[in-house]
Amino acid sequence: MATKLDAAARQAALGKLGSWSYDETAGAITRQFKFKDFSEAFAFMTRVALLAQAADHHPDWSNAYNKVTISLSTHDAGGLTGNDVKLAEAIDKLIT
């Protein structure tokens, strides 16, 4: 089982994930992505789904037309873990 990051490790991770924000109440990192239209947003979600499945680590997310909001937290650990950070980094590589 993954171990929840302590405050110092969480801050270090957030420093590398400039566009993600930490939601202390949820114990999760969150980011909203905006695309040209629904088709681009859905294609992005498909690519994220393939990454998440390969990592066996699945995000909480939503889609509204051209926006995708992703929240990452490891429920079994009760908050943010290294698995969440790795998936966020992989997701970011999809859009760079």
N, C-alpha and C. Protein backbone atom coordinates (compact mmCIF):
# COMPACT_ATOMS: atom_id res chain seq x y z
N MET A 1 0.84 -1.19 0.00
CA MET A 1 0.00 0.00 0.00
C MET A 1 0.89 1.25 0.00
N ALA A 2 0.46 2.24 -0.73
CA ALA A 2 1.18 3.51 -0.80
C ALA A 2 1.06 4.26 0.52
N THR A 3 2.08 5.05 0.82
CA THR A 3 2.11 5.82 2.06
C THR A 3 1.77 7.28 1.78
N LYS A 4 0.92 7.83 2.60
CA LYS A 4 0.54 9.24 2.48
C LYS A 4 1.76 10.13 2.68
N LEU A 5 1.89 11.14 1.81
CA LEU A 5 3.02 12.06 1.91
C LEU A 5 2.86 12.97 3.13
N ASP A 6 3.97 13.22 3.81
CA ASP A 6 3.92 14.19 4.91
C ASP A 6 3.94 15.60 4.31
N ALA A 7 3.80 16.60 5.15
CA ALA A 7 3.69 17.98 4.67
C ALA A 7 4.90 18.42 3.86
N ALA A 8 6.09 18.06 4.28
CA ALA A 8 7.31 18.48 3.56
C ALA A 8 7.38 17.82 2.19
N ALA A 9 7.08 16.53 2.12
CA ALA A 9 7.10 15.82 0.83
C ALA A 9 6.00 16.35 -0.09
N ARG A 10 4.86 16.67 0.48
CA ARG A 10 3.75 17.23 -0.31
C ARG A 10 4.15 18.57 -0.91
N GLN A 11 4.78 19.42 -0.12
CA GLN A 11 5.22 20.74 -0.61
C GLN A 11 6.26 20.59 -1.71
N ALA A 12 7.19 19.66 -1.54
CA ALA A 12 8.21 19.42 -2.57
C ALA A 12 7.55 18.95 -3.86
N ALA A 13 6.58 18.06 -3.75
CA ALA A 13 5.88 17.56 -4.94
C ALA A 13 5.12 18.68 -5.63
N LEU A 14 4.45 19.50 -4.86
CA LEU A 14 3.69 20.61 -5.44
C LEU A 14 4.60 21.60 -6.14
N GLY A 15 5.82 21.73 -5.66
CA GLY A 15 6.79 22.60 -6.30
C GLY A 15 7.14 22.14 -7.70
N LYS A 16 7.10 20.81 -7.92
CA LYS A 16 7.36 20.25 -9.25
C LYS A 16 6.11 20.27 -10.12
N LEU A 17 4.95 20.31 -9.50
CA LEU A 17 3.68 20.27 -10.22
C LEU A 17 3.04 21.66 -10.18
N GLY A 18 3.65 22.60 -10.84
CA GLY A 18 3.23 23.99 -10.75
C GLY A 18 1.77 24.28 -11.01
N SER A 19 1.12 23.51 -11.87
CA SER A 19 -0.26 23.82 -12.24
C SER A 19 -1.30 23.07 -11.40
N TRP A 20 -0.86 22.21 -10.54
CA TRP A 20 -1.77 21.47 -9.67
C TRP A 20 -1.89 22.20 -8.33
N SER A 21 -3.06 22.15 -7.75
CA SER A 21 -3.24 22.77 -6.43
C SER A 21 -3.66 21.69 -5.43
N TYR A 22 -3.34 21.94 -4.18
CA TYR A 22 -3.65 20.98 -3.13
C TYR A 22 -4.94 21.39 -2.42
N ASP A 23 -5.85 20.46 -2.33
CA ASP A 23 -7.10 20.66 -1.60
C ASP A 23 -6.96 19.93 -0.27
N GLU A 24 -6.70 20.67 0.77
CA GLU A 24 -6.44 20.06 2.07
C GLU A 24 -7.63 19.28 2.60
N THR A 25 -8.83 19.78 2.38
CA THR A 25 -10.03 19.10 2.85
C THR A 25 -10.16 17.72 2.21
N ALA A 26 -9.89 17.64 0.91
CA ALA A 26 -10.00 16.37 0.19
C ALA A 26 -8.73 15.53 0.27
N GLY A 27 -7.61 16.16 0.66
CA GLY A 27 -6.34 15.47 0.67
C GLY A 27 -5.91 15.06 -0.72
N ALA A 28 -6.20 15.94 -1.69
CA ALA A 28 -5.97 15.62 -3.10
C ALA A 28 -5.35 16.80 -3.83
N ILE A 29 -4.70 16.49 -4.96
CA ILE A 29 -4.25 17.53 -5.87
C ILE A 29 -5.25 17.60 -7.03
N THR A 30 -5.47 18.82 -7.50
CA THR A 30 -6.49 19.05 -8.51
C THR A 30 -5.96 19.98 -9.59
N ARG A 31 -6.41 19.73 -10.80
CA ARG A 31 -6.07 20.61 -11.91
C ARG A 31 -7.21 20.61 -12.92
N GLN A 32 -7.46 21.79 -13.49
CA GLN A 32 -8.44 21.90 -14.56
C GLN A 32 -7.72 22.14 -15.88
N PHE A 33 -8.13 21.42 -16.89
CA PHE A 33 -7.57 21.53 -18.23
C PHE A 33 -8.65 22.09 -19.15
N LYS A 34 -8.27 22.97 -20.06
CA LYS A 34 -9.23 23.56 -20.99
C LYS A 34 -8.76 23.29 -22.41
N PHE A 35 -9.70 22.90 -23.26
CA PHE A 35 -9.40 22.52 -24.64
C PHE A 35 -10.26 23.33 -25.61
N LYS A 36 -9.97 23.17 -26.89
CA LYS A 36 -10.69 23.91 -27.93
C LYS A 36 -12.18 23.54 -27.94
N ASP A 37 -12.47 22.27 -27.77
CA ASP A 37 -13.87 21.82 -27.84
C ASP A 37 -14.02 20.49 -27.10
N PHE A 38 -15.24 19.95 -27.13
CA PHE A 38 -15.54 18.71 -26.44
C PHE A 38 -14.71 17.54 -26.97
N SER A 39 -14.53 17.48 -28.27
CA SER A 39 -13.79 16.39 -28.88
C SER A 39 -12.35 16.33 -28.36
N GLU A 40 -11.68 17.47 -28.27
CA GLU A 40 -10.31 17.51 -27.74
C GLU A 40 -10.29 17.11 -26.26
N ALA A 41 -11.28 17.58 -25.51
CA ALA A 41 -11.35 17.23 -24.09
C ALA A 41 -11.55 15.73 -23.91
N PHE A 42 -12.43 15.16 -24.71
CA PHE A 42 -12.69 13.72 -24.61
C PHE A 42 -11.48 12.90 -25.04
N ALA A 43 -10.79 13.33 -26.07
CA ALA A 43 -9.57 12.64 -26.50
C ALA A 43 -8.52 12.65 -25.39
N PHE A 44 -8.39 13.78 -24.71
CA PHE A 44 -7.46 13.89 -23.59
C PHE A 44 -7.86 12.92 -22.48
N MET A 45 -9.14 12.85 -22.17
CA MET A 45 -9.62 11.94 -21.13
C MET A 45 -9.30 10.49 -21.50
N THR A 46 -9.40 10.16 -22.77
CA THR A 46 -9.09 8.80 -23.21
C THR A 46 -7.61 8.49 -22.98
N ARG A 47 -6.74 9.44 -23.31
CA ARG A 47 -5.31 9.23 -23.09
C ARG A 47 -5.00 9.10 -21.58
N VAL A 48 -5.66 9.92 -20.77
CA VAL A 48 -5.47 9.82 -19.31
C VAL A 48 -5.97 8.47 -18.81
N ALA A 49 -7.09 8.02 -19.33
CA ALA A 49 -7.65 6.73 -18.90
C ALA A 49 -6.67 5.59 -19.17
N LEU A 50 -6.00 5.63 -20.31
CA LEU A 50 -5.02 4.60 -20.63
C LEU A 50 -3.83 4.63 -19.67
N LEU A 51 -3.36 5.84 -19.34
CA LEU A 51 -2.28 5.98 -18.35
C LEU A 51 -2.71 5.45 -16.98
N ALA A 52 -3.90 5.86 -16.57
CA ALA A 52 -4.41 5.48 -15.25
C ALA A 52 -4.59 3.96 -15.15
N GLN A 53 -5.11 3.37 -16.20
CA GLN A 53 -5.30 1.91 -16.18
C GLN A 53 -3.97 1.19 -16.10
N ALA A 54 -2.99 1.65 -16.87
CA ALA A 54 -1.66 1.03 -16.84
C ALA A 54 -1.02 1.15 -15.46
N ALA A 55 -1.29 2.25 -14.78
CA ALA A 55 -0.72 2.48 -13.44
C ALA A 55 -1.59 1.86 -12.34
N ASP A 56 -2.75 1.36 -12.71
CA ASP A 56 -3.74 0.86 -11.74
C ASP A 56 -4.01 1.91 -10.66
N HIS A 57 -4.17 3.14 -11.13
CA HIS A 57 -4.40 4.28 -10.23
C HIS A 57 -5.35 5.24 -10.93
N HIS A 58 -6.56 5.32 -10.47
CA HIS A 58 -7.62 5.97 -11.23
C HIS A 58 -8.06 7.29 -10.60
N PRO A 59 -8.17 8.33 -11.44
CA PRO A 59 -8.51 9.66 -10.93
C PRO A 59 -10.00 9.84 -10.68
N ASP A 60 -10.30 10.81 -9.87
CA ASP A 60 -11.66 11.35 -9.80
C ASP A 60 -11.66 12.50 -10.78
N TRP A 61 -12.64 12.54 -11.68
CA TRP A 61 -12.62 13.59 -12.69
C TRP A 61 -14.00 13.93 -13.18
N SER A 62 -14.07 15.07 -13.87
CA SER A 62 -15.33 15.49 -14.48
C SER A 62 -15.02 16.21 -15.78
N ASN A 63 -16.02 16.24 -16.64
CA ASN A 63 -15.90 16.91 -17.93
C ASN A 63 -17.14 17.76 -18.14
N ALA A 64 -16.93 19.00 -18.53
CA ALA A 64 -18.01 19.89 -18.93
C ALA A 64 -17.58 20.58 -20.21
N TYR A 65 -18.13 20.14 -21.33
CA TYR A 65 -17.82 20.58 -22.67
C TYR A 65 -16.32 20.54 -22.96
N ASN A 66 -15.63 21.67 -22.84
CA ASN A 66 -14.20 21.70 -23.19
C ASN A 66 -13.28 21.72 -21.96
N LYS A 67 -13.82 21.44 -20.79
CA LYS A 67 -13.03 21.46 -19.56
C LYS A 67 -13.02 20.08 -18.92
N VAL A 68 -11.84 19.71 -18.44
CA VAL A 68 -11.67 18.46 -17.71
C VAL A 68 -11.02 18.81 -16.37
N THR A 69 -11.65 18.41 -15.29
CA THR A 69 -11.09 18.62 -13.96
C THR A 69 -10.69 17.26 -13.40
N ILE A 70 -9.44 17.17 -12.96
CA ILE A 70 -8.91 15.92 -12.42
C ILE A 70 -8.48 16.14 -10.98
N SER A 71 -8.84 15.19 -10.14
CA SER A 71 -8.45 15.19 -8.74
C SER A 71 -7.77 13.86 -8.45
N LEU A 72 -6.60 13.93 -7.84
CA LEU A 72 -5.83 12.72 -7.54
C LEU A 72 -5.59 12.59 -6.04
N SER A 73 -5.94 11.44 -5.53
CA SER A 73 -5.74 11.11 -4.13
C SER A 73 -5.76 9.59 -4.02
N THR A 74 -5.04 9.05 -3.07
CA THR A 74 -5.05 7.60 -2.87
C THR A 74 -5.96 7.31 -1.70
N HIS A 75 -7.14 6.82 -2.00
CA HIS A 75 -8.16 6.62 -0.98
C HIS A 75 -7.71 5.64 0.11
N ASP A 76 -7.02 4.57 -0.29
CA ASP A 76 -6.55 3.58 0.69
C ASP A 76 -5.56 4.17 1.69
N ALA A 77 -4.80 5.19 1.26
CA ALA A 77 -3.81 5.81 2.14
C ALA A 77 -4.40 7.02 2.89
N GLY A 78 -5.58 7.45 2.50
CA GLY A 78 -6.21 8.58 3.16
C GLY A 78 -5.67 9.93 2.73
N GLY A 79 -5.13 10.02 1.51
CA GLY A 79 -4.64 11.31 1.04
C GLY A 79 -3.64 11.15 -0.10
N LEU A 80 -2.83 12.17 -0.26
CA LEU A 80 -1.88 12.26 -1.36
C LEU A 80 -0.68 11.35 -1.15
N THR A 81 -0.33 10.60 -2.20
CA THR A 81 0.83 9.71 -2.16
C THR A 81 1.71 9.95 -3.39
N GLY A 82 2.84 9.28 -3.40
CA GLY A 82 3.72 9.35 -4.55
C GLY A 82 3.05 8.86 -5.83
N ASN A 83 2.12 7.92 -5.72
CA ASN A 83 1.39 7.43 -6.90
C ASN A 83 0.61 8.56 -7.57
N ASP A 84 0.03 9.43 -6.75
CA ASP A 84 -0.73 10.56 -7.29
C ASP A 84 0.19 11.53 -8.02
N VAL A 85 1.34 11.78 -7.43
CA VAL A 85 2.32 12.69 -8.02
C VAL A 85 2.81 12.14 -9.36
N LYS A 86 3.13 10.83 -9.39
CA LYS A 86 3.59 10.21 -10.64
C LYS A 86 2.54 10.30 -11.73
N LEU A 87 1.28 10.05 -11.38
CA LEU A 87 0.22 10.14 -12.38
C LEU A 87 0.03 11.57 -12.84
N ALA A 88 0.10 12.53 -11.94
CA ALA A 88 0.00 13.95 -12.33
C ALA A 88 1.12 14.33 -13.29
N GLU A 89 2.33 13.88 -13.02
CA GLU A 89 3.45 14.16 -13.92
C GLU A 89 3.21 13.55 -15.30
N ALA A 90 2.70 12.33 -15.33
CA ALA A 90 2.42 11.67 -16.61
C ALA A 90 1.31 12.38 -17.37
N ILE A 91 0.31 12.85 -16.66
CA ILE A 91 -0.80 13.59 -17.28
C ILE A 91 -0.27 14.90 -17.87
N ASP A 92 0.58 15.58 -17.12
CA ASP A 92 1.14 16.84 -17.62
C ASP A 92 1.93 16.63 -18.91
N LYS A 93 2.61 15.50 -19.02
CA LYS A 93 3.38 15.22 -20.25
C LYS A 93 2.49 15.06 -21.47
N LEU A 94 1.23 14.72 -21.27
CA LEU A 94 0.30 14.57 -22.38
C LEU A 94 -0.01 15.91 -23.05
N ILE A 95 0.14 17.00 -22.31
CA ILE A 95 -0.25 18.30 -22.87
C ILE A 95 0.92 19.20 -23.19
N THR A 96 2.13 18.73 -22.99
CA THR A 96 3.29 19.57 -23.30
C THR A 96 3.84 19.26 -24.67
